[in-house]
Amino acid sequence: MAADEVVQVEGLRKRYGDIVAVDGVSFAVGRGETFGIVGPNGAGKTTTLEIIEGLRRPDAGRVRVLGLDPQRQPAQVKQRIGVQLQASAYFDYLTLKEILELFGSFYRRRLPALELLAMVGLQERAGALLKQLSGGQQQRFSLAAALVNDPEVVFLDEPTTGLDPQARRSLWELVGQMRSQGRTVILTTHYMEEAQALCQRVAIMDGGRIVALDTPDALVSRLEAPFHLRLHLERPVEPPTLAVAGVTKVTCPGDGLYRLQVRSVAESLPLVLARLQELEVGLVDLAVERATLEDVFLALTGKELRD
């Protein structure tokens, strides 16, 4: 492993009967990096993470975490990583503080329970039972549990699934805190905007394979048309009339609303405005947006992300 790489995956494969869940996945994660694995349900994200964590045995391939083999050295690896699973079970009649103290007793290195609860904004609920928390609070507590051994590498498997927007933003802030503390974070999600907001690099998975891997900005920049013009017109027009130079696609999501995919805003916007003037159509509203990782996924796979 390179000195700055804390996770290295080479040629990872895993099959369940006739289903190939992971098909030749390779990547490396640098120290202090927030690395995202994104894709639809069934893309192979969770299986990949479980193999790296040592929870599942691969059919082929090589994994190293902090220079250790999770299959041959599971105890050593678990002392140095933190894991938040999609679903976790805790003790029903222990308080949050008691659960963290119990978990901490399993490790050579540990953080104080009250410090962990303060880190996730639950210090005032130290004496509460888990069932007394909201869904967002339970997710924050599971993050605290993942940090109980002060891990160098933290694995988060779809940490915000099912949360409302406010709770999701709260979890985003916590992930940012982990990065500022120098921890390496590897997370899976099927929310592309989440990966774009949190991750320095993103691997897009589909059908068990990585179809693209780079920074979010670099992935978007590869698109033929990395910008969108969103127009609200006073009256409808035929979409093809707006296909001026540099516009690769025109869609009409609603009455008087149009979405133009363009290669260059500087090139196409003046032409679009001139066309509207020719058609004597008034412009109610205009927005210029950069394409997203979801657009990248659609361009690479030809299908919607949430299938």
Protein backbone atom coordinates (compact mmCIF):
# COMPACT_ATOMS: atom_id res chain seq x y z
CA MET A 1 0.00 0.00 0.00
CA ALA A 2 1.08 3.56 -0.66
CA ALA A 3 1.88 5.50 2.50
CA ASP A 4 -1.16 7.78 2.16
CA GLU A 5 -3.62 4.99 1.30
CA VAL A 6 -5.57 3.53 4.23
CA VAL A 7 -7.92 1.32 2.19
CA GLN A 8 -6.97 -0.61 -0.93
CA VAL A 9 -9.35 -2.83 -2.92
CA GLU A 10 -8.21 -4.85 -5.94
CA GLY A 11 -10.35 -7.06 -8.19
CA LEU A 12 -13.09 -7.66 -5.64
CA ARG A 13 -15.73 -10.22 -6.66
CA LYS A 14 -18.75 -11.68 -4.87
CA ARG A 15 -21.50 -13.90 -6.26
CA TYR A 16 -24.75 -15.14 -4.70
CA GLY A 17 -25.86 -18.05 -6.84
CA ASP A 18 -26.51 -16.65 -10.32
CA ILE A 19 -26.34 -13.06 -9.10
CA VAL A 20 -23.00 -11.26 -9.36
CA ALA A 21 -23.16 -8.66 -6.59
CA VAL A 22 -19.60 -7.32 -6.97
CA ASP A 23 -17.80 -7.73 -10.27
CA GLY A 24 -14.11 -6.77 -10.30
CA VAL A 25 -14.19 -3.65 -8.09
CA SER A 26 -10.90 -1.82 -7.49
CA PHE A 27 -10.15 1.49 -5.77
CA ALA A 28 -8.00 3.07 -3.05
CA VAL A 29 -8.89 5.61 -0.37
CA GLY A 30 -6.42 8.14 0.99
CA ARG A 31 -5.90 9.07 4.62
CA GLY A 32 -8.34 11.79 5.74
CA GLU A 33 -10.45 11.44 2.60
CA THR A 34 -14.24 11.27 2.50
CA PHE A 35 -14.93 8.70 -0.22
CA GLY A 36 -18.40 7.91 -1.53
CA ILE A 37 -19.78 4.80 -3.23
CA VAL A 38 -23.06 5.68 -4.92
CA GLY A 39 -25.59 3.89 -7.06
CA PRO A 40 -29.10 2.43 -7.03
CA ASN A 41 -30.29 -0.28 -4.68
CA GLY A 42 -28.71 -3.57 -5.71
CA ALA A 43 -25.64 -1.95 -7.28
CA GLY A 44 -23.27 -3.79 -4.91
CA LYS A 45 -22.46 -0.92 -2.54
CA THR A 46 -23.29 -2.64 0.75
CA THR A 47 -21.66 -5.93 -0.23
CA THR A 48 -18.47 -4.07 -1.15
CA LEU A 49 -18.47 -2.27 2.19
CA GLU A 50 -19.14 -5.46 4.16
CA ILE A 51 -16.20 -7.22 2.49
CA ILE A 52 -13.87 -4.32 3.30
CA GLU A 53 -15.07 -4.34 6.91
CA GLY A 54 -14.40 -8.08 7.19
CA LEU A 55 -18.10 -8.93 7.67
CA ARG A 56 -18.34 -10.89 4.41
CA ARG A 57 -15.83 -13.08 2.59
CA PRO A 58 -15.12 -12.28 -1.08
CA ASP A 59 -14.96 -14.91 -3.81
CA ALA A 60 -11.89 -13.21 -5.26
CA GLY A 61 -9.82 -10.08 -4.86
CA ARG A 62 -7.60 -8.40 -2.30
CA VAL A 63 -8.47 -5.93 0.47
CA ARG A 64 -6.18 -4.05 2.82
CA VAL A 65 -7.36 -1.72 5.58
CA LEU A 66 -4.62 0.22 7.37
CA GLY A 67 -2.20 -2.34 5.97
CA LEU A 68 -4.18 -5.26 7.44
CA ASP A 69 -6.17 -8.08 5.83
CA PRO A 70 -9.77 -7.99 7.19
CA GLN A 71 -10.18 -11.72 6.56
CA ARG A 72 -6.96 -12.88 8.22
CA GLN A 73 -6.63 -10.13 10.84
CA PRO A 74 -10.23 -9.24 11.73
CA ALA A 75 -9.58 -8.45 15.40
CA GLN A 76 -6.79 -5.99 14.59
CA VAL A 77 -8.89 -4.29 11.92
CA LYS A 78 -11.96 -3.94 14.16
CA GLN A 79 -9.90 -2.21 16.84
CA ARG A 80 -9.11 0.59 14.37
CA ILE A 81 -12.32 1.06 12.34
CA GLY A 82 -15.84 2.26 13.11
CA VAL A 83 -18.90 0.88 11.35
CA GLN A 84 -22.43 2.22 11.08
CA LEU A 85 -24.66 -0.37 9.43
CA GLN A 86 -27.93 0.28 7.61
CA ALA A 87 -29.78 -1.20 10.60
CA SER A 88 -28.41 -1.60 14.11
CA ALA A 89 -29.79 -3.29 17.24
CA TYR A 90 -29.00 -2.07 20.74
CA PHE A 91 -29.99 -3.02 24.26
CA ASP A 92 -33.58 -2.01 25.02
CA TYR A 93 -33.14 -1.23 28.72
CA LEU A 94 -29.74 0.43 28.81
CA THR A 95 -29.41 4.20 28.57
CA LEU A 96 -27.44 5.82 25.75
CA LYS A 97 -24.54 6.46 28.12
CA GLU A 98 -24.57 2.86 29.37
CA ILE A 99 -24.60 1.44 25.83
CA LEU A 100 -21.57 3.51 24.83
CA GLU A 101 -19.70 2.60 28.00
CA LEU A 102 -20.41 -1.08 27.36
CA PHE A 103 -19.25 -0.85 23.74
CA GLY A 104 -16.16 1.08 24.81
CA SER A 105 -15.17 -1.72 27.17
CA PHE A 106 -14.63 -3.99 24.14
CA TYR A 107 -11.74 -1.86 22.82
CA ARG A 108 -8.24 -1.01 23.94
CA ARG A 109 -8.79 2.60 22.86
CA ARG A 110 -12.07 4.39 23.60
CA LEU A 111 -13.68 7.82 23.88
CA PRO A 112 -15.74 8.85 26.94
CA ALA A 113 -19.47 8.26 26.49
CA LEU A 114 -20.47 11.81 27.36
CA GLU A 115 -17.91 13.21 24.92
CA LEU A 116 -19.38 11.06 22.15
CA LEU A 117 -22.93 12.12 22.98
CA ALA A 118 -21.87 15.77 22.96
CA MET A 119 -20.24 15.23 19.59
CA VAL A 120 -23.61 14.19 18.09
CA GLY A 121 -25.70 16.67 20.08
CA LEU A 122 -27.27 14.12 22.43
CA GLN A 123 -25.55 14.99 25.70
CA GLU A 124 -28.89 15.98 27.26
CA ARG A 125 -30.32 12.56 26.40
CA ALA A 126 -27.55 10.55 28.08
CA GLY A 127 -30.04 8.92 30.44
CA ALA A 128 -32.65 8.17 27.77
CA LEU A 129 -33.44 4.82 26.17
CA LEU A 130 -32.98 4.41 22.43
CA LYS A 131 -36.73 3.91 21.85
CA GLN A 132 -37.32 7.38 23.32
CA LEU A 133 -35.35 9.03 20.49
CA SER A 134 -36.61 10.26 17.14
CA GLY A 135 -35.39 8.61 13.95
CA GLY A 136 -32.82 11.33 13.35
CA GLN A 137 -31.59 11.11 16.93
CA GLN A 138 -31.24 7.34 16.63
CA GLN A 139 -29.10 7.78 13.51
CA ARG A 140 -26.91 10.29 15.35
CA PHE A 141 -26.55 7.85 18.23
CA SER A 142 -25.48 5.09 15.83
CA LEU A 143 -22.76 7.45 14.61
CA ALA A 144 -21.63 7.96 18.20
CA ALA A 145 -21.50 4.18 18.63
CA ALA A 146 -19.39 3.90 15.47
CA LEU A 147 -16.88 6.35 16.97
CA VAL A 148 -16.65 4.73 20.41
CA ASN A 149 -13.16 3.33 19.74
CA ASP A 150 -11.84 6.60 18.24
CA PRO A 151 -11.46 4.91 14.80
CA GLU A 152 -9.07 5.94 12.07
CA VAL A 153 -11.47 4.79 9.34
CA VAL A 154 -15.27 5.11 9.59
CA PHE A 155 -17.70 3.18 7.35
CA LEU A 156 -21.22 4.58 6.92
CA ASP A 157 -23.73 2.47 4.98
CA GLU A 158 -26.53 4.71 3.67
CA PRO A 159 -26.53 6.76 6.90
CA THR A 160 -29.39 9.11 5.97
CA THR A 161 -31.87 6.74 4.32
CA GLY A 162 -35.37 7.41 5.63
CA LEU A 163 -34.50 10.68 7.36
CA ASP A 164 -36.31 13.98 6.83
CA PRO A 165 -34.32 16.84 5.22
CA GLN A 166 -33.47 18.50 8.55
CA ALA A 167 -32.16 15.25 10.09
CA ARG A 168 -30.23 14.51 6.91
CA ARG A 169 -28.49 17.89 7.05
CA SER A 170 -27.61 17.25 10.69
CA LEU A 171 -25.93 13.97 9.70
CA TRP A 172 -24.06 15.79 6.92
CA GLU A 173 -22.62 18.19 9.50
CA LEU A 174 -21.45 15.26 11.62
CA VAL A 175 -19.71 13.67 8.64
CA GLY A 176 -17.99 16.99 8.02
CA GLN A 177 -16.83 17.03 11.65
CA MET A 178 -15.34 13.56 11.27
CA ARG A 179 -13.39 14.73 8.25
CA SER A 180 -12.13 17.80 10.15
CA GLN A 181 -10.92 15.46 12.90
CA GLY A 182 -8.70 13.74 10.34
CA ARG A 183 -10.74 10.55 10.08
CA THR A 184 -11.09 8.70 6.81
CA VAL A 185 -14.77 8.25 5.96
CA ILE A 186 -16.16 5.78 3.41
CA LEU A 187 -19.89 6.03 2.87
CA THR A 188 -22.47 4.49 0.59
CA THR A 189 -25.60 6.30 -0.52
CA HIS A 190 -28.15 6.32 -3.29
CA TYR A 191 -28.57 10.08 -2.87
CA MET A 192 -26.29 11.68 -5.44
CA GLU A 193 -26.66 15.16 -3.93
CA GLU A 194 -25.40 13.72 -0.63
CA ALA A 195 -22.26 12.36 -2.25
CA GLN A 196 -21.72 15.62 -4.10
CA ALA A 197 -21.98 17.61 -0.86
CA LEU A 198 -19.83 15.36 1.35
CA CYS A 199 -17.27 13.47 -0.72
CA GLN A 200 -13.93 14.45 -2.16
CA ARG A 201 -14.11 11.53 -4.58
CA VAL A 202 -17.01 9.36 -5.68
CA ALA A 203 -17.21 5.88 -7.21
CA ILE A 204 -20.42 5.34 -9.17
CA MET A 205 -21.51 1.68 -9.09
CA ASP A 206 -24.02 -0.10 -11.30
CA GLY A 207 -24.53 -3.83 -11.71
CA GLY A 208 -21.68 -4.64 -9.34
CA ARG A 209 -19.12 -2.59 -11.24
CA ILE A 210 -17.57 0.85 -10.85
CA VAL A 211 -18.59 2.75 -13.98
CA ALA A 212 -16.84 6.02 -13.01
CA LEU A 213 -14.55 7.30 -10.24
CA ASP A 214 -13.31 10.86 -9.72
CA THR A 215 -14.08 14.08 -7.89
CA PRO A 216 -17.72 15.22 -8.24
CA ASP A 217 -16.68 18.27 -10.27
CA ALA A 218 -14.52 16.19 -12.62
CA LEU A 219 -17.31 13.67 -13.19
CA VAL A 220 -19.79 16.43 -14.05
CA SER A 221 -17.25 18.16 -16.31
CA ARG A 222 -17.02 15.00 -18.44
CA LEU A 223 -20.63 15.38 -19.53
CA GLU A 224 -21.25 16.51 -23.08
CA ALA A 225 -23.58 19.18 -21.67
CA PRO A 226 -22.57 19.99 -18.06
CA PHE A 227 -25.00 22.92 -17.64
CA HIS A 228 -28.78 23.37 -17.63
CA LEU A 229 -30.88 26.39 -18.54
CA ARG A 230 -34.28 26.36 -16.85
CA LEU A 231 -36.78 28.66 -18.54
CA HIS A 232 -40.30 29.71 -17.58
CA LEU A 233 -42.00 31.27 -20.60
CA GLU A 234 -45.15 33.35 -20.85
CA ARG A 235 -46.62 30.92 -23.33
CA PRO A 236 -45.69 27.44 -24.60
CA VAL A 237 -43.48 26.93 -27.64
CA GLU A 238 -42.47 23.79 -29.50
CA PRO A 239 -39.34 22.43 -27.74
CA PRO A 240 -37.33 22.00 -30.98
CA THR A 241 -37.51 25.77 -31.58
CA LEU A 242 -35.22 26.26 -28.55
CA ALA A 243 -32.54 23.85 -29.82
CA VAL A 244 -30.03 26.54 -30.78
CA ALA A 245 -26.29 25.95 -31.15
CA GLY A 246 -24.77 24.22 -28.11
CA VAL A 247 -28.09 22.86 -26.83
CA THR A 248 -27.98 19.06 -26.73
CA LYS A 249 -31.47 18.36 -25.36
CA VAL A 250 -34.70 20.24 -24.67
CA THR A 251 -37.38 18.88 -22.34
CA CYS A 252 -40.68 20.39 -21.23
CA PRO A 253 -41.48 19.28 -17.64
CA GLY A 254 -44.58 21.51 -17.42
CA ASP A 255 -46.69 24.15 -19.12
CA GLY A 256 -44.34 26.98 -20.03
CA LEU A 257 -41.38 25.32 -18.28
CA TYR A 258 -38.33 24.17 -20.27
CA ARG A 259 -35.03 22.52 -19.42
CA LEU A 260 -32.16 22.93 -21.87
CA GLN A 261 -28.95 20.93 -21.55
CA VAL A 262 -26.07 23.02 -22.89
CA ARG A 263 -22.34 22.65 -23.47
CA SER A 264 -21.56 26.29 -22.69
CA VAL A 265 -23.77 28.88 -21.01
CA ALA A 266 -21.80 31.73 -22.58
CA GLU A 267 -22.37 30.28 -26.04
CA SER A 268 -26.00 29.18 -25.81
CA LEU A 269 -27.74 31.66 -23.49
CA PRO A 270 -27.49 34.69 -25.83
CA LEU A 271 -28.77 32.52 -28.69
CA VAL A 272 -31.71 31.26 -26.61
CA LEU A 273 -32.67 34.82 -25.63
CA ALA A 274 -32.42 35.91 -29.26
CA ARG A 275 -34.66 33.01 -30.31
CA LEU A 276 -37.28 33.99 -27.74
CA GLN A 277 -37.20 37.52 -29.08
CA GLU A 278 -37.75 36.19 -32.60
CA LEU A 279 -40.71 34.14 -31.37
CA GLU A 280 -42.04 37.17 -29.42
CA VAL A 281 -42.26 35.06 -26.26
CA GLY A 282 -41.72 36.72 -22.89
CA LEU A 283 -39.35 35.20 -20.31
CA VAL A 284 -40.89 34.89 -16.83
CA ASP A 285 -37.89 33.32 -15.11
CA LEU A 286 -34.44 31.98 -15.94
CA ALA A 287 -32.05 29.82 -13.90
CA VAL A 288 -28.61 28.51 -14.82
CA GLU A 289 -27.60 25.29 -13.06
CA ARG A 290 -24.61 23.00 -13.19
CA ALA A 291 -25.38 19.35 -13.92
CA THR A 292 -25.26 16.90 -11.04
CA LEU A 293 -23.92 13.43 -10.31
CA GLU A 294 -27.38 12.09 -11.07
CA ASP A 295 -27.03 13.45 -14.61
CA VAL A 296 -23.65 11.69 -14.79
CA PHE A 297 -25.24 8.41 -13.69
CA LEU A 298 -28.04 8.75 -16.24
CA ALA A 299 -25.53 9.49 -19.01
CA LEU A 300 -23.37 6.49 -18.06
CA THR A 301 -26.10 3.89 -17.53
CA GLY A 302 -29.10 5.21 -19.43
CA LYS A 303 -31.42 4.68 -16.45
CA GLU A 304 -32.79 6.63 -13.53
CA LEU A 305 -30.86 6.37 -10.28
CA ARG A 306 -33.76 5.34 -8.02
CA ASP A 307 -34.89 2.23 -9.89
